[in-house]
Amino acid sequence: MVCRQCGSPLERPGDYCLVCRSPNADTVVLELGRDRARVTALSDEDVVAAREITTTPETGENEPVELRNFAGLIADDVRRKRPEEVYATGDRSVLTAVRTQLHYPLYRIRGEDAVESVIEHRGKPALDVVTASLSEKLGGSHTTLIGGRSGRETVETIAEHPHVKKIVPGPIDASGGSSQSGVRAKATRADDNGNVRLLVRDGSSVQENRIVTTAYDRDTGERVREDLNEALQEAALQE
C-alpha cells in the first residue's frame, strides 16, 4: 500500500506516512482474544488494514512476560497508525495489558461484529473528552470517601474515564447489611441527562456518588455506564 497523500510506499497498510506526515487511518478497532488479536484500521468507514497477531499463552511465572509481549505487539501496531480513536473488545486481561502500553483511551465496543459496530457508532455525535485529574473532577459538599485505599481506587478508576466530568460524593449510610467481600462498586442506570450514580459498599456502609458525564441523553449515558462497570470489573471492584 502507498500513502493516499503523497504516494510513498508504506511498510504496512494504514501506517502513518513519515514522508509527508499524513495519517492513512483515523480509527483502529481491536478484537482481543487471549491467543489471537485482530487489529483493523479504518479511514472514514473504509477498512484500510486488518492484521492478526498471535501468541501462545503461558501459565505460571512465564505468563506476565508473555502477556506483556503480546500486548506490546498489539500496541505497536496501533501506534504505527497514529489514529484519532481506538475501540476495543474481547479478553479483559489482554485489554488491560494493552491499555498500559498505549497513550490512547480505549473505548469499549460491543456487538457480534466489532468493526460494523464502530462504523455505526461513528454516525452519532461524539461525546466530549475530559482530561482533568481526579482532584479536579472530585467535588461537592461531602468529601469523605468510604473504603480507605480501595475506595479511593474505585473513584480513581471512574475518574480515568474520558467522558466523566465530575464526581460528587454523597453522604455515607451505615445502615446496610454487613458484607465481608471488601469494597465493591456499581454504576447504576443513567438518567435522562446521561448522568449515573456510583454505589460503593464497604461492609455495612454504603455511599451513593453522583457521576456527571459528557453524555447528552439516557442512551449515551448507558454506554458510559457500561464502560464504567467494565472498568470496575477489570479492577476487581465490581459489585
Foldseek 3Di string as FASTA:
>chain_A
DADPPPRHDDPFWQFQDPPVRHASFAEWEWEDEPFKIWIWTHHLLDTGHIDMQGFDADDDPCRVVRLLVSLVVVLVVVVRRVHNAYEYDYDLSSVVSNVVVDPHDYQYFDDPDRSVRVSVVVVDDDFAFDDDALVQQEDEPDDDFPQPPVRVVLSRLLVRGRFWRHKYKADKDQQAAFDPPGKAWAWDQAAQQLKTWIWIDGTSIIIIITTDGRGGGRVVSVSSRVVSQSSCVSVVRHD
